[in-house]
């Protein structure tokens, strides 16, 4: 099972996760995610290679990947998101919890972008991966928030990676690695920076640290979903404080990003995974 309520993607008529004001920036970040992903893959893939995005959101990643010549498949359990993917990107996302090779076939690339932390039984997903990956050159990418990150240690109460209502299974690097090995898979590459998440995670944590937790996760989520509400009661006082502490928080997030990576406490963990050679 996966923990998303049906309102997770329900902002406005287009079923956005966050306010429409942030969508141009998010579109650019999804486009950049595709560029980085393709650049980091260890093999060149021919046109027509197959990709599966599990928990595909509204389909943005698959939309830009399809423009690169890939055949794309996505899964999703949120019906508003499935509807939005079809309406805006002409993508038919499959409503399912755990992808099945019998149903979907095999793939050259499988991605879990910030989905694992929502899973009640991630081991069941990993058990299917060896059947879904086409061969030893196929790649699985799992990216998750790092609960041991510098931002999480500064102020977990405010850290945007926390999401206590939906992130029910926050996994450390060691725990994730153990699950992967038990599924007869192996990590061959790690990344520790995500343009979509690293800075905002640190920024929210620093704002929480400066405010002693007064600016908490729920406030930041409300700000992302309904920015106008930030200037209304009961949030106006928090917003005035946010304006005051934002300059040092922004500067601090830029300065602490390389520090967190150097200390092995990055905001995100991205693992590139393949079939173990002797797994067959």
Protein backbone atom coordinates (compact mmCIF):
# COMPACT_ATOMS: atom_id res chain seq x y z
CA UNK A 1 0.00 0.00 0.00
CA UNK A 2 0.96 3.63 -0.54
CA UNK A 3 -0.07 6.58 1.61
CA UNK A 4 -1.54 9.39 -0.45
CA UNK A 5 -4.98 10.79 0.16
CA UNK A 6 -7.09 11.74 -2.85
CA UNK A 7 -6.46 15.44 -2.10
CA UNK A 8 -2.68 15.09 -2.47
CA UNK A 9 -2.96 16.38 -6.05
CA UNK A 10 -5.97 18.65 -5.87
CA UNK A 11 -4.87 22.27 -6.23
CA UNK A 12 -7.10 24.08 -8.68
CA UNK A 13 -8.70 22.80 -11.86
CA UNK A 14 -5.44 21.24 -13.10
CA UNK A 15 -4.92 19.10 -9.97
CA UNK A 16 -1.51 20.49 -9.05
CA UNK A 17 0.34 19.35 -5.94
CA UNK A 18 1.21 22.99 -5.17
CA UNK A 19 -0.06 26.41 -6.19
CA UNK A 20 -0.11 27.28 -9.89
CA UNK A 21 2.33 30.11 -9.07
CA UNK A 22 5.13 27.56 -8.64
CA UNK A 23 4.41 25.51 -11.77
CA UNK A 24 6.79 27.31 -14.20
CA UNK A 25 9.70 26.68 -11.82
CA UNK A 26 8.64 23.07 -11.27
CA UNK A 27 8.32 22.48 -15.01
CA UNK A 28 11.91 23.66 -15.47
CA UNK A 29 13.06 21.40 -12.64
CA UNK A 30 11.33 18.36 -14.15
CA UNK A 31 12.95 19.13 -17.50
CA UNK A 32 16.33 19.39 -15.79
CA UNK A 33 15.71 16.12 -13.92
CA UNK A 34 15.39 14.33 -17.26
CA UNK A 35 18.64 15.87 -18.53
CA UNK A 36 20.51 14.83 -15.40
CA UNK A 37 19.01 11.34 -15.42
CA UNK A 38 19.99 10.63 -19.00
CA UNK A 39 23.46 12.07 -18.47
CA UNK A 40 24.04 9.84 -15.44
CA UNK A 41 22.91 6.57 -17.01
CA UNK A 42 25.93 4.30 -17.59
CA UNK A 43 24.88 3.22 -21.09
CA UNK A 44 23.55 4.98 -24.16
CA UNK A 45 19.97 3.94 -24.81
CA UNK A 46 18.46 3.77 -28.25
CA UNK A 47 15.25 5.51 -29.26
CA UNK A 48 12.31 3.44 -28.10
CA UNK A 49 13.83 2.29 -24.83
CA UNK A 50 11.17 1.73 -22.17
CA UNK A 51 10.88 3.64 -18.89
CA UNK A 52 8.59 3.13 -15.90
CA UNK A 53 7.98 5.91 -13.38
CA UNK A 54 6.35 4.53 -10.22
CA UNK A 55 4.21 7.11 -8.43
CA UNK A 56 4.48 9.36 -11.47
CA UNK A 57 2.78 12.46 -10.06
CA UNK A 58 0.99 14.26 -12.88
CA UNK A 59 3.39 12.74 -15.42
CA UNK A 60 5.81 15.65 -15.84
CA UNK A 61 8.98 13.54 -15.77
CA UNK A 62 7.53 11.07 -18.28
CA UNK A 63 6.36 13.91 -20.52
CA UNK A 64 9.89 15.29 -20.93
CA UNK A 65 11.40 11.81 -21.16
CA UNK A 66 8.99 10.93 -23.98
CA UNK A 67 10.24 13.96 -25.87
CA UNK A 68 13.67 12.30 -25.83
CA UNK A 69 12.29 9.31 -27.74
CA UNK A 70 11.55 6.97 -24.84
CA UNK A 71 8.47 4.78 -24.55
CA UNK A 72 7.04 5.71 -21.15
CA UNK A 73 4.74 4.05 -18.63
CA UNK A 74 3.66 5.49 -15.28
CA UNK A 75 1.76 4.28 -12.24
CA UNK A 76 -0.25 6.37 -9.81
CA UNK A 77 -2.96 5.84 -7.18
CA UNK A 78 -4.25 9.43 -7.08
CA UNK A 79 -7.19 9.74 -9.46
CA UNK A 80 -6.92 13.55 -9.73
CA UNK A 81 -3.29 13.11 -10.81
CA UNK A 82 -4.21 10.38 -13.31
CA UNK A 83 -6.84 12.68 -14.78
CA UNK A 84 -4.39 15.60 -15.00
CA UNK A 85 -1.73 13.46 -16.72
CA UNK A 86 -4.21 12.44 -19.40
CA UNK A 87 -5.64 15.91 -19.87
CA UNK A 88 -2.42 17.91 -19.98
CA UNK A 89 0.25 15.46 -21.18
CA UNK A 90 -1.77 12.79 -23.02
CA UNK A 91 -0.35 10.19 -20.63
CA UNK A 92 -2.40 7.25 -19.44
CA UNK A 93 -1.12 6.44 -15.95
CA UNK A 94 -1.97 3.00 -14.59
CA UNK A 95 -3.80 2.97 -11.27
CA UNK A 96 -1.91 0.39 -9.23
CA UNK A 97 0.05 0.14 -6.00
CA UNK A 98 2.75 -2.36 -6.90
CA UNK A 99 3.83 -2.59 -10.56
CA UNK A 100 3.79 -6.08 -12.05
CA UNK A 101 5.99 -7.40 -14.84
CA UNK A 102 3.12 -9.62 -15.96
CA UNK A 103 0.96 -6.52 -16.45
CA UNK A 104 3.51 -3.97 -17.65
CA UNK A 105 6.37 -5.91 -19.23
CA UNK A 106 10.06 -5.11 -18.72
CA UNK A 107 11.96 -1.82 -18.75
CA UNK A 108 15.36 -0.27 -19.41
CA UNK A 109 14.78 2.38 -16.72
CA UNK A 110 12.60 2.39 -13.61
CA UNK A 111 12.32 5.42 -11.33
CA UNK A 112 10.96 6.05 -7.84
CA UNK A 113 11.17 9.84 -7.33
CA UNK A 114 10.31 10.49 -3.66
CA UNK A 115 7.89 7.58 -3.52
CA UNK A 116 9.65 5.08 -1.25
CA UNK A 117 8.96 7.15 1.86
CA UNK A 118 5.22 6.79 1.14
CA UNK A 119 5.30 2.98 0.95
CA UNK A 120 4.08 0.78 3.75
CA UNK A 121 5.86 -2.25 2.25
CA UNK A 122 8.80 -1.11 0.10
CA UNK A 123 10.23 -4.64 0.22
CA UNK A 124 7.29 -5.85 -1.90
CA UNK A 125 8.13 -3.26 -4.54
CA UNK A 126 11.77 -4.28 -4.60
CA UNK A 127 10.79 -7.94 -4.89
CA UNK A 128 9.15 -7.12 -8.24
CA UNK A 129 12.04 -5.06 -9.58
CA UNK A 130 14.19 -7.98 -10.70
CA UNK A 131 11.25 -9.09 -12.86
CA UNK A 132 10.63 -5.59 -14.24
CA UNK A 133 14.24 -4.78 -15.18
CA UNK A 134 15.01 -6.01 -18.70
CA UNK A 135 18.63 -7.06 -18.17
CA UNK A 136 21.88 -6.29 -16.33
CA UNK A 137 22.21 -2.95 -18.15
CA UNK A 138 18.79 -1.75 -17.00
CA UNK A 139 18.75 0.85 -14.22
CA UNK A 140 16.54 1.48 -11.21
CA UNK A 141 16.72 4.96 -9.63
CA UNK A 142 15.39 5.54 -6.13
CA UNK A 143 15.49 9.07 -4.67
CA UNK A 144 14.32 9.74 -1.11
CA UNK A 145 14.62 12.48 1.54
CA UNK A 146 17.49 11.77 3.89
CA UNK A 147 16.26 11.66 7.52
CA UNK A 148 19.89 11.92 8.64
CA UNK A 149 20.55 15.09 6.63
CA UNK A 150 21.95 18.33 7.95
CA UNK A 151 18.57 20.03 7.48
CA UNK A 152 16.71 17.27 9.31
CA UNK A 153 19.16 17.56 12.21
CA UNK A 154 18.80 21.35 12.33
CA UNK A 155 15.00 21.36 12.68
CA UNK A 156 13.07 18.26 11.69
CA UNK A 157 9.81 19.93 12.73
CA UNK A 158 10.20 22.46 9.89
CA UNK A 159 12.20 20.42 7.38
CA UNK A 160 10.16 20.01 4.18
CA UNK A 161 11.46 16.50 3.73
CA UNK A 162 9.61 15.33 6.82
CA UNK A 163 5.89 15.43 5.82
CA UNK A 164 4.77 13.44 8.88
CA UNK A 165 1.31 12.72 7.48
CA UNK A 166 2.48 11.09 4.25
CA UNK A 167 6.12 10.06 4.78
CA UNK A 168 5.50 6.98 6.86
CA UNK A 169 8.67 5.11 5.97
CA UNK A 170 11.69 7.38 6.12
CA UNK A 171 14.70 5.20 5.29
CA UNK A 172 18.36 5.82 6.04
CA UNK A 173 21.04 4.98 3.50
CA UNK A 174 22.02 1.85 5.41
CA UNK A 175 18.42 0.63 5.65
CA UNK A 176 17.80 1.26 1.96
CA UNK A 177 21.02 -0.50 1.01
CA UNK A 178 20.05 -3.53 3.07
CA UNK A 179 16.63 -3.77 1.39
CA UNK A 180 18.24 -3.48 -2.02
CA UNK A 181 20.75 -6.24 -1.30
CA UNK A 182 18.02 -8.54 0.03
CA UNK A 183 16.17 -8.04 -3.26
CA UNK A 184 19.23 -9.34 -5.19
CA UNK A 185 20.03 -5.87 -6.50
CA UNK A 186 23.10 -3.68 -6.10
CA UNK A 187 23.83 0.04 -5.91
CA UNK A 188 26.47 1.07 -8.44
CA UNK A 189 26.29 4.86 -8.09
CA UNK A 190 25.09 7.46 -5.58
CA UNK A 191 24.13 11.12 -5.93
CA UNK A 192 23.44 13.54 -3.10
CA UNK A 193 22.05 16.68 -4.74
CA UNK A 194 18.63 17.38 -6.27
CA UNK A 195 17.88 20.82 -7.69
CA UNK A 196 14.19 20.38 -6.88
CA UNK A 197 14.69 19.60 -3.20
CA UNK A 198 18.11 20.30 -1.70
CA UNK A 199 17.90 24.07 -1.30
CA UNK A 200 14.26 24.20 -0.21
CA UNK A 201 14.80 21.45 2.35
CA UNK A 202 17.72 23.35 3.88
CA UNK A 203 15.89 26.68 3.64
CA UNK A 204 12.85 25.36 5.53
CA UNK A 205 15.06 23.77 8.19
CA UNK A 206 17.03 26.97 8.69
CA UNK A 207 13.82 29.00 8.98
CA UNK A 208 12.67 26.55 11.61
CA UNK A 209 15.99 26.74 13.41
CA UNK A 210 15.96 30.56 13.42
CA UNK A 211 12.35 30.59 14.68
CA UNK A 212 12.82 27.77 17.22
CA UNK A 213 10.31 25.62 15.33
CA UNK A 214 7.62 28.31 15.14
CA UNK A 215 7.68 28.14 11.32
CA UNK A 216 6.83 24.45 11.06
CA UNK A 217 6.17 21.98 8.24
CA UNK A 218 2.42 22.66 8.17
CA UNK A 219 3.03 26.38 7.66
CA UNK A 220 5.41 25.78 4.73
CA UNK A 221 3.01 23.30 3.14
CA UNK A 222 0.17 25.83 3.40
CA UNK A 223 2.45 28.44 1.84
CA UNK A 224 3.22 26.15 -1.11
CA UNK A 225 -0.42 25.19 -1.65
CA UNK A 226 -2.14 28.53 -0.98
CA UNK A 227 0.34 31.44 -0.95
CA UNK A 228 -2.41 34.03 -0.46
CA UNK A 229 -3.30 32.40 2.87
CA UNK A 230 0.12 33.39 4.21
CA UNK A 231 -1.09 37.00 4.43
CA UNK A 232 -4.31 36.15 6.20
CA UNK A 233 -5.14 35.18 9.75
CA UNK A 234 -3.81 33.09 11.47
CA UNK A 235 -0.61 33.03 9.37
CA UNK A 236 0.20 36.72 8.99
CA UNK A 237 2.49 36.82 12.03
CA UNK A 238 4.47 33.82 10.82
CA UNK A 239 4.76 35.34 7.37
CA UNK A 240 6.18 38.60 8.74
CA UNK A 241 8.77 36.57 10.64
CA UNK A 242 9.54 34.54 7.51
CA UNK A 243 10.23 37.74 5.57
CA UNK A 244 12.70 38.85 8.25
CA UNK A 245 14.66 35.62 8.47
CA UNK A 246 14.54 34.60 4.79
CA UNK A 247 17.73 36.45 3.72
CA UNK A 248 20.02 34.60 6.18
CA UNK A 249 18.11 31.34 5.57
CA UNK A 250 18.61 31.62 1.81
CA UNK A 251 22.29 32.43 2.22
CA UNK A 252 22.67 29.66 4.76
CA UNK A 253 21.05 27.06 2.49
CA UNK A 254 23.48 27.94 -0.30
CA UNK A 255 26.47 27.74 2.04
CA UNK A 256 25.40 24.57 3.85
CA UNK A 257 24.58 22.53 0.75
CA UNK A 258 28.23 21.57 0.07
CA UNK A 259 28.85 21.23 3.82
CA UNK A 260 26.06 18.67 4.14
CA UNK A 261 27.41 16.70 1.19
CA UNK A 262 30.96 16.83 2.61
CA UNK A 263 29.73 15.64 6.01
CA UNK A 264 27.81 12.81 4.29
CA UNK A 265 24.56 14.40 5.49
CA UNK A 266 22.94 15.48 2.18
CA UNK A 267 19.28 16.43 1.99
CA UNK A 268 18.44 13.65 -0.47
CA UNK A 269 19.74 10.21 -1.32
CA UNK A 270 19.64 9.06 -4.94
CA UNK A 271 20.68 5.50 -5.66
CA UNK A 272 21.37 4.05 -9.10
CA UNK A 273 20.69 0.34 -8.92
CA UNK A 274 21.02 -2.67 -11.20
CA UNK A 275 20.52 -6.40 -11.12
CA UNK A 276 23.25 -8.21 -9.24
CA UNK A 277 25.34 -10.17 -11.70
CA UNK A 278 24.64 -13.51 -10.04
CA UNK A 279 20.94 -12.77 -9.39
CA UNK A 280 19.66 -14.84 -12.27
